[in-house]
C-alpha cells in the first residue's frame, strides 16, 4: 500500500519508479515483505491445492445440475452425488448427447474425489507432525484441514507482536475513520490473506452453533447488526483467541478437552 504511488503515477517510466522507490527507502517507508520458509510454502501449496480441487468439483456438480434441470428432474435423495444419487443420475432418460455430457461430468467428479482423498491423506500426515495444529484443533469449529490452513497462512506466530496485527493481516479488522473528535468504524478492510479470512468465517459459522460462549457473542451481535456481520465478528474474535493460543502455547480451554481428544484420534497413532 505504501508503494501504491508508483502504480498510480500519471507519468509511468522506469526512471520515475526508481526515483519514488529511492525516496521511500531514504525515508524508511518501504514496507518489508514477509517471505515464508520452504516448509511453510509447501504447506500453503498443499492446502491451497485442495481448495482449488473443491472449487473444481463444485463447478462440475453445477454442470450436472444444469443437465438435470434441463429435463426437469428432481433428485429424491438428499445427496445427489452419493451412492444412491449417482445410481439415480445414471438411470435418467436423456438425449444421446446429454447422456454423453452427463457421463463425462460424473467421471470427472469421481476423478476429482479420488484426488481430494489423496490430498486429504497428505494433509492428515502433515497435520499429525505439527504442534500448532494440535493446539488449533482444540478450538470449536476448526477441523484438521482448517487447522493446517491457518498454520500455513499465518506461519510463525512470533511475526505478529499482538493479536491486532494478526486480525488486520487477515483483513478482518474494521475500517476506522477519524476526523477531529469524531471516530467511527466501517466494514472490514478485506486486505491481506483472503484464504485465511475465508477459513475463519467458515469456522465461525460452525463454532457459533456448538460453542456456548461464541454462540452467546454471536447472538448479541446478531440482534444489533444482523447475521452476516455477527459471523464476521465471531471470526474476528476467534482469530484473536488463536493468537493467544499459539503465543502462550495453550489449548482453547478445559471445556473443549473432550472434543479436542476426539479430533486428535483422527490424526493417527503417532499422536
Protein backbone atom coordinates (compact mmCIF):
# COMPACT_ATOMS: atom_id res chain seq x y z
CA UNK A 1 0.00 0.00 0.00
CA UNK A 2 2.87 2.35 0.75
CA UNK A 3 4.29 1.93 -2.76
CA UNK A 4 0.93 2.45 -4.47
CA UNK A 5 2.09 5.87 -5.68
CA UNK A 6 4.24 4.13 -8.28
CA UNK A 7 1.33 2.38 -9.97
CA UNK A 8 -0.99 5.41 -9.79
CA UNK A 9 1.52 7.97 -11.10
CA UNK A 10 0.45 9.83 -14.23
CA UNK A 11 3.97 9.66 -15.66
CA UNK A 12 4.92 5.98 -15.65
CA UNK A 13 8.54 5.37 -16.59
CA UNK A 14 11.36 3.30 -15.09
CA UNK A 15 13.21 6.45 -14.03
CA UNK A 16 10.14 7.81 -12.20
CA UNK A 17 9.52 4.47 -10.48
CA UNK A 18 13.16 4.20 -9.43
CA UNK A 19 13.15 7.74 -8.03
CA UNK A 20 9.98 7.11 -6.00
CA UNK A 21 11.41 3.87 -4.62
CA UNK A 22 14.63 5.67 -3.71
CA UNK A 23 12.69 8.35 -1.81
CA UNK A 24 10.67 5.70 0.03
CA UNK A 25 13.82 3.82 1.02
CA UNK A 26 15.53 7.05 2.09
CA UNK A 27 12.61 7.84 4.41
CA UNK A 28 12.34 4.21 5.58
CA UNK A 29 8.80 3.97 4.16
CA UNK A 30 9.28 0.84 2.03
CA UNK A 31 7.45 -1.95 3.86
CA UNK A 32 9.25 -5.25 4.28
CA UNK A 33 7.58 -8.22 2.62
CA UNK A 34 7.37 -11.50 4.53
CA UNK A 35 8.83 -14.46 2.66
CA UNK A 36 7.72 -17.73 4.30
CA UNK A 37 10.31 -20.50 4.72
CA UNK A 38 10.27 -23.55 2.47
CA UNK A 39 8.27 -25.82 4.78
CA UNK A 40 5.52 -23.19 5.17
CA UNK A 41 5.37 -22.67 1.40
CA UNK A 42 4.90 -26.41 0.95
CA UNK A 43 2.01 -26.44 3.44
CA UNK A 44 0.39 -23.49 1.68
CA UNK A 45 0.68 -25.21 -1.68
CA UNK A 46 -0.90 -28.37 -0.26
CA UNK A 47 -3.95 -26.76 1.39
CA UNK A 48 -4.49 -24.33 -1.50
CA UNK A 49 -4.33 -27.24 -3.94
CA UNK A 50 -7.14 -28.94 -2.04
CA UNK A 51 -9.14 -25.72 -2.10
CA UNK A 52 -8.75 -25.50 -5.89
CA UNK A 53 -9.86 -29.13 -6.26
CA UNK A 54 -13.00 -28.48 -4.20
CA UNK A 55 -13.83 -25.43 -6.34
CA UNK A 56 -13.31 -27.52 -9.47
CA UNK A 57 -15.63 -30.23 -8.11
CA UNK A 58 -18.29 -27.63 -7.33
CA UNK A 59 -18.15 -26.39 -10.93
CA UNK A 60 -18.62 -29.93 -12.23
CA UNK A 61 -21.56 -30.51 -9.89
CA UNK A 62 -23.19 -27.31 -11.09
CA UNK A 63 -22.91 -28.57 -14.67
CA UNK A 64 -24.61 -31.82 -13.65
CA UNK A 65 -27.42 -29.83 -12.06
CA UNK A 66 -27.76 -27.89 -15.32
CA UNK A 67 -28.35 -31.14 -17.23
CA UNK A 68 -30.99 -32.44 -14.79
CA UNK A 69 -32.71 -29.03 -14.68
CA UNK A 70 -32.90 -29.06 -18.48
CA UNK A 71 -35.14 -32.13 -18.28
CA UNK A 72 -36.99 -31.05 -15.14
CA UNK A 73 -35.68 -33.92 -13.00
CA UNK A 74 -35.62 -33.53 -9.22
CA UNK A 75 -33.46 -35.88 -7.16
CA UNK A 76 -35.31 -37.64 -4.34
CA UNK A 77 -32.10 -38.25 -2.40
CA UNK A 78 -30.51 -35.76 -0.01
CA UNK A 79 -27.12 -36.15 -1.69
CA UNK A 80 -27.30 -36.30 -5.46
CA UNK A 81 -23.64 -37.27 -5.64
CA UNK A 82 -23.80 -40.01 -3.02
CA UNK A 83 -24.01 -43.71 -3.91
CA UNK A 84 -27.80 -43.76 -4.39
CA UNK A 85 -27.77 -40.37 -6.11
CA UNK A 86 -25.14 -41.47 -8.62
CA UNK A 87 -27.20 -44.56 -9.50
CA UNK A 88 -30.22 -42.29 -9.99
CA UNK A 89 -28.25 -39.99 -12.29
CA UNK A 90 -27.00 -42.85 -14.44
CA UNK A 91 -30.54 -44.23 -14.81
CA UNK A 92 -32.09 -40.98 -16.10
CA UNK A 93 -33.63 -40.91 -19.56
CA UNK A 94 -31.68 -38.32 -21.53
CA UNK A 95 -30.88 -37.49 -25.11
CA UNK A 96 -27.83 -39.12 -26.64
CA UNK A 97 -25.61 -36.02 -26.43
CA UNK A 98 -26.82 -35.05 -22.95
CA UNK A 99 -26.16 -38.61 -21.75
CA UNK A 100 -22.58 -38.32 -23.05
CA UNK A 101 -22.13 -34.94 -21.34
CA UNK A 102 -23.56 -36.21 -18.05
CA UNK A 103 -21.36 -39.32 -18.03
CA UNK A 104 -18.29 -37.17 -18.67
CA UNK A 105 -19.21 -34.87 -15.78
CA UNK A 106 -19.80 -37.81 -13.43
CA UNK A 107 -16.49 -39.40 -14.37
CA UNK A 108 -14.77 -36.07 -13.83
CA UNK A 109 -16.41 -35.70 -10.41
CA UNK A 110 -15.31 -39.19 -9.35
CA UNK A 111 -11.77 -38.46 -10.51
CA UNK A 112 -11.65 -35.23 -8.50
CA UNK A 113 -12.99 -37.07 -5.43
CA UNK A 114 -10.14 -39.56 -5.71
CA UNK A 115 -7.62 -36.71 -5.96
CA UNK A 116 -9.12 -34.98 -2.93
CA UNK A 117 -8.85 -38.22 -0.94
CA UNK A 118 -5.14 -38.42 -1.77
CA UNK A 119 -4.60 -34.80 -0.77
CA UNK A 120 -6.55 -35.34 2.47
CA UNK A 121 -4.24 -38.23 3.33
CA UNK A 122 -1.20 -35.98 2.84
CA UNK A 123 -2.86 -33.25 4.92
CA UNK A 124 -3.52 -35.64 7.82
CA UNK A 125 0.09 -36.78 7.69
CA UNK A 126 1.42 -33.21 7.77
CA UNK A 127 -1.04 -32.21 10.50
CA UNK A 128 -0.02 -35.11 12.74
CA UNK A 129 3.54 -33.76 12.80
CA UNK A 130 2.71 -30.15 13.68
CA UNK A 131 2.36 -28.89 17.27
CA UNK A 132 0.48 -25.74 16.21
CA UNK A 133 -2.17 -27.90 14.54
CA UNK A 134 -2.63 -29.81 17.80
CA UNK A 135 -3.38 -26.55 19.61
CA UNK A 136 -5.72 -25.26 16.90
CA UNK A 137 -7.75 -28.47 16.94
CA UNK A 138 -8.80 -27.71 20.49
CA UNK A 139 -10.93 -24.83 19.20
CA UNK A 140 -14.54 -25.44 18.29
CA UNK A 141 -15.25 -25.15 14.57
CA UNK A 142 -11.72 -26.00 13.41
CA UNK A 143 -11.04 -29.36 11.78
CA UNK A 144 -7.76 -30.84 10.55
CA UNK A 145 -7.85 -29.10 7.17
CA UNK A 146 -8.75 -25.69 8.62
CA UNK A 147 -6.07 -26.03 11.29
CA UNK A 148 -3.36 -26.76 8.72
CA UNK A 149 -4.65 -23.93 6.51
CA UNK A 150 -4.40 -21.45 9.39
CA UNK A 151 -0.96 -22.79 10.28
CA UNK A 152 0.33 -22.42 6.72
CA UNK A 153 -1.17 -18.98 6.10
CA UNK A 154 -0.09 -17.45 9.42
CA UNK A 155 3.38 -19.02 9.58
CA UNK A 156 5.35 -18.33 12.78
CA UNK A 157 3.00 -16.53 15.18
CA UNK A 158 6.00 -14.59 16.50
CA UNK A 159 5.90 -12.32 13.45
CA UNK A 160 2.73 -10.74 14.85
CA UNK A 161 3.56 -8.71 18.01
CA UNK A 162 -0.10 -8.63 19.09
CA UNK A 163 -3.48 -10.04 18.05
CA UNK A 164 -4.48 -6.77 16.37
CA UNK A 165 -1.71 -7.22 13.80
CA UNK A 166 -2.91 -10.74 13.00
CA UNK A 167 -6.55 -9.67 12.64
CA UNK A 168 -5.52 -6.76 10.43
CA UNK A 169 -3.35 -9.02 8.26
CA UNK A 170 -6.33 -11.35 7.74
CA UNK A 171 -8.47 -8.41 6.60
CA UNK A 172 -10.97 -8.95 9.44
CA UNK A 173 -10.29 -5.61 11.14
CA UNK A 174 -12.93 -2.88 10.66
CA UNK A 175 -12.00 0.29 8.81
CA UNK A 176 -11.55 3.24 11.17
CA UNK A 177 -12.38 6.78 10.04
CA UNK A 178 -11.46 9.74 12.23
CA UNK A 179 -11.88 13.48 11.82
CA UNK A 180 -11.13 15.59 14.85
CA UNK A 181 -13.01 14.16 17.81
CA UNK A 182 -15.34 12.09 15.62
CA UNK A 183 -14.38 8.45 15.04
CA UNK A 184 -16.43 5.64 13.55
CA UNK A 185 -15.84 2.13 12.25
CA UNK A 186 -16.83 0.83 8.86
CA UNK A 187 -16.76 -2.54 7.08
CA UNK A 188 -13.76 -4.85 7.36
CA UNK A 189 -10.72 -3.95 5.25
CA UNK A 190 -10.53 -7.28 3.33
CA UNK A 191 -6.78 -6.72 2.91
CA UNK A 192 -4.26 -9.46 3.45
CA UNK A 193 -4.80 -13.19 3.20
CA UNK A 194 -8.17 -13.86 1.57
CA UNK A 195 -7.71 -17.61 2.14
CA UNK A 196 -7.28 -17.16 5.89
CA UNK A 197 -10.25 -14.78 6.03
CA UNK A 198 -12.45 -17.31 4.22
CA UNK A 199 -11.33 -20.14 6.51
CA UNK A 200 -12.04 -18.14 9.68
CA UNK A 201 -15.52 -17.12 8.52
CA UNK A 202 -16.37 -20.74 7.64
CA UNK A 203 -15.03 -21.91 11.01
CA UNK A 204 -17.06 -19.21 12.79
CA UNK A 205 -20.28 -20.45 11.16
CA UNK A 206 -19.72 -23.84 12.80
CA UNK A 207 -18.32 -22.57 16.10
CA UNK A 208 -21.27 -20.30 16.96
CA UNK A 209 -23.59 -23.31 16.74
CA UNK A 210 -21.59 -25.55 19.09
CA UNK A 211 -19.63 -23.23 21.41
CA UNK A 212 -21.61 -21.67 24.24
CA UNK A 213 -19.51 -18.53 24.66
CA UNK A 214 -19.05 -17.84 20.96
CA UNK A 215 -22.72 -18.61 20.38
CA UNK A 216 -23.79 -16.08 23.02
CA UNK A 217 -21.46 -13.48 21.49
CA UNK A 218 -22.88 -14.19 18.04
CA UNK A 219 -26.47 -13.79 19.28
CA UNK A 220 -25.71 -10.43 20.90
CA UNK A 221 -24.16 -9.05 17.73
CA UNK A 222 -26.90 -10.53 15.54
CA UNK A 223 -29.57 -8.58 17.44
CA UNK A 224 -27.80 -5.30 16.64
CA UNK A 225 -26.02 -5.91 13.31
CA UNK A 226 -27.53 -8.96 11.61
CA UNK A 227 -26.30 -12.47 10.83
CA UNK A 228 -23.55 -11.69 8.32
CA UNK A 229 -21.79 -9.07 10.42
CA UNK A 230 -22.18 -11.24 13.51
CA UNK A 231 -20.42 -14.11 11.74
CA UNK A 232 -17.55 -11.82 10.73
CA UNK A 233 -17.33 -10.52 14.30
CA UNK A 234 -17.15 -14.10 15.58
CA UNK A 235 -14.38 -14.88 13.09
CA UNK A 236 -12.53 -11.77 14.30
CA UNK A 237 -12.88 -12.94 17.91
CA UNK A 238 -11.73 -16.48 17.09
CA UNK A 239 -8.60 -15.18 15.37
CA UNK A 240 -7.73 -13.10 18.44
CA UNK A 241 -8.09 -16.22 20.60
CA UNK A 242 -5.93 -18.18 18.15
CA UNK A 243 -3.15 -15.60 18.55
CA UNK A 244 -3.27 -16.10 22.33
CA UNK A 245 -3.34 -19.90 21.96
CA UNK A 246 -0.31 -20.04 19.67
CA UNK A 247 1.63 -17.38 21.59
CA UNK A 248 1.06 -18.89 25.04
CA UNK A 249 1.03 -22.49 23.76
CA UNK A 250 -2.35 -23.16 25.38
CA UNK A 251 -5.39 -25.13 24.21
CA UNK A 252 -8.77 -23.46 23.81
CA UNK A 253 -9.98 -24.48 27.26
CA UNK A 254 -10.79 -27.36 29.58
CA UNK A 255 -14.42 -27.30 28.45
CA UNK A 256 -13.30 -28.44 24.99
CA UNK A 257 -10.86 -31.18 26.08
CA UNK A 258 -13.32 -33.95 25.18
CA UNK A 259 -13.83 -32.53 21.65
CA UNK A 260 -10.07 -31.99 21.40
CA UNK A 261 -9.34 -35.62 22.17
CA UNK A 262 -11.79 -36.89 19.56
CA UNK A 263 -10.20 -34.76 16.85
CA UNK A 264 -6.70 -35.94 17.72
CA UNK A 265 -7.66 -39.58 17.24
CA UNK A 266 -8.29 -38.89 13.55
CA UNK A 267 -4.66 -37.91 13.04
CA UNK A 268 -3.16 -41.30 13.78
CA UNK A 269 -1.44 -43.30 16.48
CA UNK A 270 1.74 -41.21 16.33
CA UNK A 271 -0.03 -38.51 18.35
